[in-house]
N, C-alpha and C. Protein backbone atom coordinates (compact mmCIF):
# COMPACT_ATOMS: atom_id res chain seq x y z
N MET A 1 7.69 14.58 23.94
CA MET A 1 8.22 13.87 23.32
C MET A 1 7.88 13.21 22.03
N THR A 2 8.57 13.07 21.26
CA THR A 2 8.23 12.51 19.65
C THR A 2 8.26 11.15 19.70
N ALA A 3 7.07 10.59 18.60
CA ALA A 3 6.77 9.12 18.58
C ALA A 3 7.74 8.77 17.94
N GLN A 4 8.24 7.37 18.22
CA GLN A 4 9.16 6.87 17.60
C GLN A 4 8.91 6.34 16.07
N ARG A 5 9.60 6.48 15.42
CA ARG A 5 9.35 6.22 14.05
C ARG A 5 9.77 5.06 13.06
N ILE A 6 8.64 4.40 12.60
CA ILE A 6 8.86 3.27 12.01
C ILE A 6 8.95 3.49 10.40
N VAL A 7 9.93 2.81 9.57
CA VAL A 7 10.14 3.21 8.29
C VAL A 7 9.66 1.93 7.57
N VAL A 8 8.74 2.09 6.57
CA VAL A 8 8.18 1.04 5.70
C VAL A 8 8.08 1.12 4.38
N ALA A 9 8.17 0.52 3.41
CA ALA A 9 7.86 0.47 2.07
C ALA A 9 6.45 0.05 1.77
N ALA A 10 5.57 0.26 0.77
CA ALA A 10 4.57 -0.62 0.61
C ALA A 10 3.99 -0.39 -0.72
N VAL A 11 3.07 -1.11 -1.19
CA VAL A 11 2.62 -1.35 -2.95
C VAL A 11 0.86 -1.22 -2.64
N ALA A 12 0.52 -0.28 -3.40
CA ALA A 12 -0.85 -0.33 -3.70
C ALA A 12 -1.13 -1.14 -5.18
N PHE A 13 -2.12 -1.88 -5.09
CA PHE A 13 -2.25 -2.51 -6.37
C PHE A 13 -3.80 -2.38 -6.60
N VAL A 14 -4.20 -1.46 -7.60
CA VAL A 14 -5.52 -1.15 -8.00
C VAL A 14 -6.08 -1.75 -9.25
N ARG A 15 -7.43 -2.50 -9.08
CA ARG A 15 -8.11 -2.90 -10.19
C ARG A 15 -9.55 -2.64 -9.87
N GLY A 16 -10.01 -2.14 -11.01
CA GLY A 16 -11.77 -2.40 -11.23
C GLY A 16 -11.90 -1.25 -9.98
N GLY A 17 -11.38 -0.23 -9.79
CA GLY A 17 -11.94 0.67 -8.42
C GLY A 17 -11.66 0.00 -7.19
N GLN A 18 -10.94 -0.73 -7.10
CA GLN A 18 -10.47 -1.44 -5.65
C GLN A 18 -9.04 -1.54 -5.58
N VAL A 19 -8.71 -1.45 -4.17
CA VAL A 19 -7.26 -1.33 -3.76
C VAL A 19 -7.29 -3.14 -3.04
N LEU A 20 -5.98 -3.46 -3.29
CA LEU A 20 -5.85 -4.94 -2.42
C LEU A 20 -5.33 -4.33 -0.99
N THR A 21 -5.99 -5.14 -0.08
CA THR A 21 -5.43 -4.55 1.30
C THR A 21 -5.01 -6.06 1.92
N VAL A 22 -4.29 -5.89 3.05
CA VAL A 22 -3.95 -7.17 4.08
C VAL A 22 -3.83 -7.00 5.20
N ARG A 23 -4.34 -7.97 5.87
CA ARG A 23 -4.01 -7.90 7.44
C ARG A 23 -3.35 -9.09 7.83
N LYS A 24 -2.38 -8.63 8.71
CA LYS A 24 -1.42 -9.44 9.37
C LYS A 24 -1.85 -10.42 10.56
N ARG A 25 -1.27 -11.32 10.50
CA ARG A 25 -1.65 -12.42 11.57
C ARG A 25 -1.51 -11.88 12.90
N GLY A 26 -2.65 -11.74 13.87
CA GLY A 26 -2.76 -11.06 14.99
C GLY A 26 -2.69 -9.87 15.16
N THR A 27 -3.26 -9.09 14.11
CA THR A 27 -3.78 -7.70 13.92
C THR A 27 -5.10 -7.53 13.50
N THR A 28 -5.79 -6.20 13.82
CA THR A 28 -7.15 -6.26 13.33
C THR A 28 -7.16 -5.38 12.21
N ARG A 29 -6.22 -4.45 11.99
CA ARG A 29 -6.15 -3.28 10.95
C ARG A 29 -5.96 -4.13 9.52
N PHE A 30 -6.42 -3.56 8.33
CA PHE A 30 -6.08 -3.71 7.06
C PHE A 30 -5.42 -2.63 6.70
N MET A 31 -4.15 -2.98 5.74
CA MET A 31 -3.22 -2.03 5.30
C MET A 31 -2.77 -2.66 3.86
N LEU A 32 -1.82 -1.95 3.34
CA LEU A 32 -1.15 -1.87 1.68
C LEU A 32 -0.14 -3.39 2.29
N VAL A 33 0.10 -3.70 1.06
CA VAL A 33 1.35 -4.90 1.23
C VAL A 33 2.54 -4.29 1.41
N GLY A 34 3.16 -4.64 2.26
CA GLY A 34 4.77 -3.72 2.50
C GLY A 34 5.21 -4.07 4.03
N GLY A 35 6.44 -3.28 4.20
CA GLY A 35 7.14 -3.91 5.45
C GLY A 35 8.35 -3.09 5.52
N LYS A 36 9.25 -3.32 6.27
CA LYS A 36 10.26 -2.67 6.79
C LYS A 36 11.43 -3.05 5.89
N PRO A 37 12.31 -2.18 5.45
CA PRO A 37 13.40 -2.33 4.80
C PRO A 37 14.62 -3.25 5.50
N GLU A 38 15.46 -3.80 5.05
CA GLU A 38 16.47 -4.51 5.52
C GLU A 38 17.54 -3.50 5.47
N PRO A 39 18.54 -3.67 6.62
CA PRO A 39 19.61 -2.82 6.26
C PRO A 39 20.28 -2.64 4.99
N GLY A 40 20.20 -1.35 4.57
CA GLY A 40 21.09 -1.19 3.21
C GLY A 40 20.15 -1.24 2.02
N GLU A 41 18.90 -1.67 2.51
CA GLU A 41 17.70 -2.10 1.19
C GLU A 41 17.08 -0.58 0.96
N SER A 42 16.91 -0.14 -0.33
CA SER A 42 16.17 0.87 -0.59
C SER A 42 14.61 0.58 -0.43
N ALA A 43 13.67 1.65 -0.32
CA ALA A 43 12.33 1.47 -0.39
C ALA A 43 11.84 0.84 -1.34
N TYR A 44 12.39 0.98 -2.84
CA TYR A 44 11.85 0.27 -3.80
C TYR A 44 12.27 -1.31 -3.76
N ASP A 45 13.45 -1.42 -3.16
CA ASP A 45 13.72 -2.93 -3.24
C ASP A 45 12.98 -3.47 -1.99
N ALA A 46 12.66 -2.74 -1.17
CA ALA A 46 11.80 -3.30 0.22
C ALA A 46 10.35 -3.64 -0.19
N ALA A 47 9.95 -2.90 -1.15
CA ALA A 47 8.62 -3.00 -1.37
C ALA A 47 8.36 -4.35 -2.45
N VAL A 48 9.31 -4.27 -3.52
CA VAL A 48 9.61 -5.59 -4.34
C VAL A 48 9.40 -6.88 -3.30
N ARG A 49 10.78 -6.78 -2.38
CA ARG A 49 10.74 -7.95 -1.68
C ARG A 49 9.63 -8.30 -0.88
N GLU A 50 9.05 -7.33 -0.29
CA GLU A 50 7.88 -7.62 0.90
C GLU A 50 6.48 -8.23 0.09
N THR A 51 6.61 -7.37 -1.33
CA THR A 51 5.32 -8.06 -2.09
C THR A 51 5.34 -9.53 -2.64
N ARG A 52 6.77 -10.03 -2.56
CA ARG A 52 7.05 -11.44 -3.26
C ARG A 52 6.63 -12.49 -1.86
N GLU A 53 6.88 -11.74 -0.68
CA GLU A 53 6.81 -12.59 0.53
C GLU A 53 5.47 -12.61 0.99
N GLU A 54 4.90 -11.37 0.88
CA GLU A 54 3.63 -11.62 1.64
C GLU A 54 2.22 -11.79 0.60
N VAL A 55 2.38 -11.78 -0.61
CA VAL A 55 1.29 -12.11 -1.53
C VAL A 55 1.62 -12.89 -2.77
N GLY A 56 3.18 -13.10 -2.70
CA GLY A 56 3.72 -14.11 -3.99
C GLY A 56 3.59 -13.47 -5.13
N LEU A 57 3.84 -12.00 -5.48
CA LEU A 57 3.48 -11.47 -6.77
C LEU A 57 5.23 -10.89 -7.16
N ASP A 58 5.44 -11.10 -8.15
CA ASP A 58 6.94 -10.46 -8.55
C ASP A 58 6.74 -9.35 -9.22
N VAL A 59 7.24 -8.09 -8.68
CA VAL A 59 6.98 -7.06 -9.18
C VAL A 59 8.40 -6.23 -9.35
N GLY A 60 9.53 -6.98 -9.56
CA GLY A 60 10.64 -6.49 -10.06
C GLY A 60 10.99 -6.22 -11.27
N GLY A 61 12.13 -5.48 -11.15
CA GLY A 61 12.50 -4.74 -12.76
C GLY A 61 12.16 -3.41 -12.73
N PRO A 62 13.17 -2.77 -13.58
CA PRO A 62 13.17 -1.39 -13.64
C PRO A 62 11.82 -0.68 -13.98
N GLY A 63 11.05 0.18 -13.36
CA GLY A 63 10.00 0.98 -13.79
C GLY A 63 8.71 -0.03 -13.38
N ALA A 64 8.79 -0.94 -12.85
CA ALA A 64 7.63 -1.65 -12.24
C ALA A 64 6.73 -1.24 -11.25
N LEU A 65 7.56 -0.13 -10.48
CA LEU A 65 6.73 0.31 -9.32
C LEU A 65 6.83 1.81 -9.63
N SER A 66 5.83 2.55 -9.38
CA SER A 66 5.70 3.74 -9.63
C SER A 66 5.50 4.90 -8.37
N PRO A 67 6.23 5.48 -7.88
CA PRO A 67 5.88 6.32 -6.77
C PRO A 67 4.71 6.88 -6.55
N LEU A 68 3.90 6.55 -5.42
CA LEU A 68 2.72 7.32 -5.20
C LEU A 68 2.75 8.34 -4.16
N GLY A 69 3.94 8.39 -3.05
CA GLY A 69 3.96 9.06 -2.08
C GLY A 69 4.73 8.78 -0.76
N VAL A 70 5.16 9.66 -0.10
CA VAL A 70 5.73 9.41 1.30
C VAL A 70 4.88 9.97 2.35
N TYR A 71 4.32 9.19 2.93
CA TYR A 71 3.32 9.82 4.23
C TYR A 71 3.75 9.48 5.73
N LEU A 72 3.15 10.30 6.46
CA LEU A 72 3.42 9.96 8.00
C LEU A 72 1.84 9.80 8.56
N ALA A 73 1.89 8.65 9.54
CA ALA A 73 0.73 8.65 10.10
C ALA A 73 0.77 7.69 11.57
N PRO A 74 -0.10 7.75 12.19
CA PRO A 74 0.28 6.97 13.57
C PRO A 74 0.29 5.67 13.10
N ALA A 75 0.87 4.53 13.57
CA ALA A 75 1.12 3.07 13.22
C ALA A 75 0.07 2.39 13.70
N ALA A 76 -0.59 1.76 12.80
CA ALA A 76 -1.65 0.69 12.98
C ALA A 76 -1.62 -0.14 14.39
N ASN A 77 -0.66 -0.91 14.32
CA ASN A 77 -0.36 -2.07 15.19
C ASN A 77 0.60 -1.91 16.48
N GLU A 78 1.17 -0.41 16.40
CA GLU A 78 2.06 -0.30 17.56
C GLU A 78 2.11 1.18 18.02
N PRO A 79 0.75 1.30 19.21
CA PRO A 79 0.49 2.33 19.58
C PRO A 79 1.82 3.53 20.17
N GLY A 80 1.41 4.78 20.05
CA GLY A 80 2.45 5.68 20.19
C GLY A 80 3.76 5.69 19.32
N ARG A 81 3.46 5.22 18.12
CA ARG A 81 4.68 5.06 17.28
C ARG A 81 4.10 5.73 15.93
N GLU A 82 5.01 6.18 14.97
CA GLU A 82 4.71 7.04 13.89
C GLU A 82 5.53 6.01 12.74
N LEU A 83 4.35 5.94 11.74
CA LEU A 83 4.67 5.35 10.34
C LEU A 83 5.13 6.26 9.62
N HIS A 84 6.39 6.12 8.95
CA HIS A 84 6.94 6.62 7.69
C HIS A 84 7.02 5.80 6.50
N SER A 85 6.13 6.08 5.80
CA SER A 85 5.80 5.12 4.57
C SER A 85 6.00 5.55 3.09
N THR A 86 6.58 4.99 2.44
CA THR A 86 7.02 5.13 1.01
C THR A 86 6.22 4.36 0.34
N VAL A 87 5.03 4.93 -0.62
CA VAL A 87 4.18 4.14 -1.01
C VAL A 87 4.18 4.21 -2.54
N PHE A 88 4.26 3.07 -3.09
CA PHE A 88 4.43 2.80 -4.68
C PHE A 88 2.84 2.23 -5.04
N THR A 89 2.89 2.59 -6.27
CA THR A 89 1.70 1.85 -7.18
C THR A 89 2.32 0.62 -8.10
N ALA A 90 1.63 -0.40 -8.61
CA ALA A 90 2.17 -1.38 -9.43
C ALA A 90 1.00 -1.70 -10.02
N SER A 91 1.04 -2.25 -11.27
CA SER A 91 0.12 -3.08 -12.07
C SER A 91 -0.04 -4.48 -11.54
N LEU A 92 -1.03 -5.10 -11.55
CA LEU A 92 -1.03 -6.20 -10.97
C LEU A 92 -0.44 -7.80 -11.57
N PRO A 93 0.64 -8.20 -11.41
CA PRO A 93 1.20 -9.18 -12.54
C PRO A 93 0.65 -10.53 -12.36
N GLY A 94 -0.55 -10.57 -11.26
CA GLY A 94 -1.16 -12.29 -11.26
C GLY A 94 -2.27 -12.31 -10.00
N GLU A 95 -2.31 -13.15 -9.44
CA GLU A 95 -3.32 -13.22 -8.73
C GLU A 95 -2.60 -13.35 -7.13
N PRO A 96 -2.82 -12.56 -6.31
CA PRO A 96 -2.22 -12.42 -5.17
C PRO A 96 -2.49 -13.55 -4.32
N ARG A 97 -2.00 -14.08 -3.25
CA ARG A 97 -2.40 -15.15 -2.23
C ARG A 97 -1.68 -14.74 -0.93
N ALA A 98 -2.41 -14.98 0.23
CA ALA A 98 -1.62 -14.70 1.41
C ALA A 98 -0.58 -15.76 1.76
N ALA A 99 0.39 -15.26 2.26
CA ALA A 99 1.57 -15.69 2.40
C ALA A 99 2.62 -15.15 3.87
N ALA A 100 3.34 -15.85 4.20
CA ALA A 100 4.38 -15.08 5.20
C ALA A 100 3.37 -14.80 6.30
N GLU A 101 3.60 -13.65 6.99
CA GLU A 101 2.63 -13.40 8.03
C GLU A 101 1.09 -12.76 7.85
N ILE A 102 0.87 -12.83 6.61
CA ILE A 102 -0.51 -12.31 6.14
C ILE A 102 -1.74 -13.51 6.38
N ALA A 103 -2.79 -12.92 7.13
CA ALA A 103 -3.65 -13.67 7.62
C ALA A 103 -4.89 -13.66 6.33
N GLU A 104 -4.85 -12.34 5.79
CA GLU A 104 -6.19 -12.26 5.29
C GLU A 104 -6.08 -11.20 4.27
N LEU A 105 -6.31 -11.54 3.02
CA LEU A 105 -6.61 -10.53 1.61
C LEU A 105 -7.80 -9.90 1.54
N ARG A 106 -7.98 -8.72 1.01
CA ARG A 106 -9.22 -7.95 1.10
C ARG A 106 -8.92 -6.76 -0.03
N TRP A 107 -9.96 -7.22 -1.03
CA TRP A 107 -9.93 -5.97 -2.03
C TRP A 107 -11.38 -4.96 -1.60
N MET A 108 -11.02 -3.98 -1.61
CA MET A 108 -12.03 -2.98 -1.19
C MET A 108 -11.90 -1.53 -2.03
N SER A 109 -13.17 -0.96 -1.98
CA SER A 109 -13.27 0.37 -2.88
C SER A 109 -12.15 1.22 -2.41
N LEU A 110 -12.10 2.05 -3.44
CA LEU A 110 -10.94 3.32 -3.30
C LEU A 110 -11.78 4.19 -2.11
N ASP A 111 -13.15 4.33 -2.10
CA ASP A 111 -13.69 5.42 -1.14
C ASP A 111 -13.73 4.71 0.23
N GLY A 112 -13.37 3.49 0.54
CA GLY A 112 -13.09 3.16 1.83
C GLY A 112 -14.42 3.06 2.57
N GLU A 113 -15.57 3.24 2.00
CA GLU A 113 -16.92 3.35 2.52
C GLU A 113 -17.05 2.05 3.45
N GLY A 114 -17.72 2.05 4.46
CA GLY A 114 -18.11 0.67 5.47
C GLY A 114 -16.95 -0.07 5.82
N HIS A 115 -15.76 0.62 6.07
CA HIS A 115 -14.43 -0.02 6.75
C HIS A 115 -14.01 0.64 7.85
N ASP A 116 -14.16 0.12 8.93
CA ASP A 116 -13.55 0.97 10.02
C ASP A 116 -12.33 0.16 10.73
N ASP A 117 -11.71 -0.80 9.81
CA ASP A 117 -10.65 -1.27 10.24
C ASP A 117 -9.40 -1.43 9.33
N LEU A 118 -9.24 0.06 8.90
CA LEU A 118 -8.21 0.24 8.20
C LEU A 118 -7.09 1.15 8.69
N ALA A 119 -5.94 0.79 8.88
CA ALA A 119 -4.66 1.13 9.32
C ALA A 119 -4.98 2.79 8.67
N PRO A 120 -4.38 3.89 9.63
CA PRO A 120 -4.70 5.10 9.39
C PRO A 120 -3.90 5.73 8.15
N MET A 121 -2.44 5.33 7.98
CA MET A 121 -1.86 5.81 6.66
C MET A 121 -2.66 5.25 5.33
N LEU A 122 -3.53 4.35 5.50
CA LEU A 122 -4.01 3.85 4.27
C LEU A 122 -5.15 4.71 4.22
N GLU A 123 -6.10 4.90 5.18
CA GLU A 123 -7.53 5.70 5.47
C GLU A 123 -7.32 7.21 5.00
N HIS A 124 -6.17 7.58 5.67
CA HIS A 124 -6.19 9.23 5.76
C HIS A 124 -5.11 9.62 4.66
N HIS A 125 -4.22 8.72 3.90
CA HIS A 125 -3.36 9.36 3.06
C HIS A 125 -3.22 8.75 1.57
N VAL A 126 -3.26 7.25 1.77
CA VAL A 126 -3.34 6.40 0.57
C VAL A 126 -4.64 6.42 -0.22
N LEU A 127 -5.74 6.26 0.19
CA LEU A 127 -6.69 5.96 -0.16
C LEU A 127 -7.25 7.54 -0.98
N PRO A 128 -7.10 8.64 -0.30
CA PRO A 128 -7.46 10.03 -0.82
C PRO A 128 -6.45 10.19 -2.24
N ALA A 129 -5.11 9.55 -1.99
CA ALA A 129 -4.07 9.90 -3.29
C ALA A 129 -4.43 9.14 -4.24
N LEU A 130 -4.88 7.78 -4.03
CA LEU A 130 -5.63 6.67 -5.14
C LEU A 130 -6.88 7.36 -5.78
N ARG A 131 -7.63 7.68 -4.96
CA ARG A 131 -8.72 8.49 -5.70
C ARG A 131 -8.47 9.72 -6.49
N ALA A 132 -7.66 10.50 -6.35
CA ALA A 132 -6.97 11.52 -7.02
C ALA A 132 -6.47 10.94 -8.25
N LEU A 133 -5.53 9.99 -8.43
CA LEU A 133 -4.86 9.49 -9.31
C LEU A 133 -6.11 8.78 -10.21
N GLU A 134 -6.95 8.10 -9.76
CA GLU A 134 -8.21 7.40 -10.55
C GLU A 134 -8.52 8.98 -11.46
N ALA A 135 -8.93 9.50 -10.62
CA ALA A 135 -9.86 10.91 -11.10
C ALA A 135 -9.12 11.45 -12.33
N SER A 136 -7.86 11.18 -11.96
CA SER A 136 -7.04 12.20 -12.96
C SER A 136 -6.88 11.30 -14.21
N ALA A 137 -6.73 10.06 -14.10
CA ALA A 137 -6.57 8.82 -15.16
C ALA A 137 -7.89 9.15 -16.11
N THR A 138 -9.11 9.14 -15.06
CA THR A 138 -10.30 9.08 -16.05
C THR A 138 -10.49 10.39 -16.61
N ALA A 139 -10.07 11.58 -16.21
CA ALA A 139 -10.27 12.76 -16.96
C ALA A 139 -9.46 12.55 -17.99
N VAL A 140 -8.35 12.20 -18.01
CA VAL A 140 -7.35 12.19 -19.49
C VAL A 140 -8.31 11.12 -20.29
N ARG A 141 -8.87 10.01 -20.04
CA ARG A 141 -9.66 9.07 -21.25
C ARG A 141 -10.84 9.93 -21.39
N THR A 142 -11.34 10.64 -20.45
CA THR A 142 -12.80 11.24 -21.02
C THR A 142 -12.46 12.18 -22.05
N HIS A 143 -11.27 13.15 -21.37
CA HIS A 143 -11.00 14.58 -22.31
C HIS A 143 -9.57 14.49 -22.95
N PRO A 144 -9.18 13.46 -23.72
CA PRO A 144 -7.89 13.58 -24.33
C PRO A 144 -7.63 14.78 -24.90
N SER A 145 -6.33 15.05 -24.86
CA SER A 145 -5.84 16.55 -25.46
C SER A 145 -5.77 16.16 -27.05
N SER A 146 -5.91 17.26 -27.71
CA SER A 146 -6.09 17.43 -29.29
C SER A 146 -4.89 17.06 -29.96
C-alpha cells in the first residue's frame, strides 16, 4: 500500500549560514515555514500566504521566491504519510515572529549538527540542497569569471 501524500509549499530563509526553522504547536519536529495550499492555490501563492500567516513576513511579488526543489519524504507529524513539498528560497524582508500555529522559531546551522528534532524533508533534502547552493554562491564570489 502506498503512503497517503500530503502536498505542501515551504520557504527557506537563510542568513549568515543559518536557516530559519519553526515548530508548530503540539509537535516536536522543526521544519521550514509553510503549509498546505488551499483549493486552486499554486505552490508559490501558498508559500507567500503561509509565510505571512506563520511568521508575519511579506514575500509576495513577482520573483520574490526562487525555486529550490520539489522533494518527497516521510511526513514529520503524520506517521505513514508522505510529504510532497515544493520548496522556495527568499531574502529575509524583516524579522520573523511566531504567529498562527507556530510555537517556536529557531535559526540553525546549515550543517544540521546537534539537532535530532528535524523533519525528515528538512534534514535529508533541504539542508543538503541549501548547503550546495551556499557552496556554489561562495565559489562564484571566490572565483569570479574573467
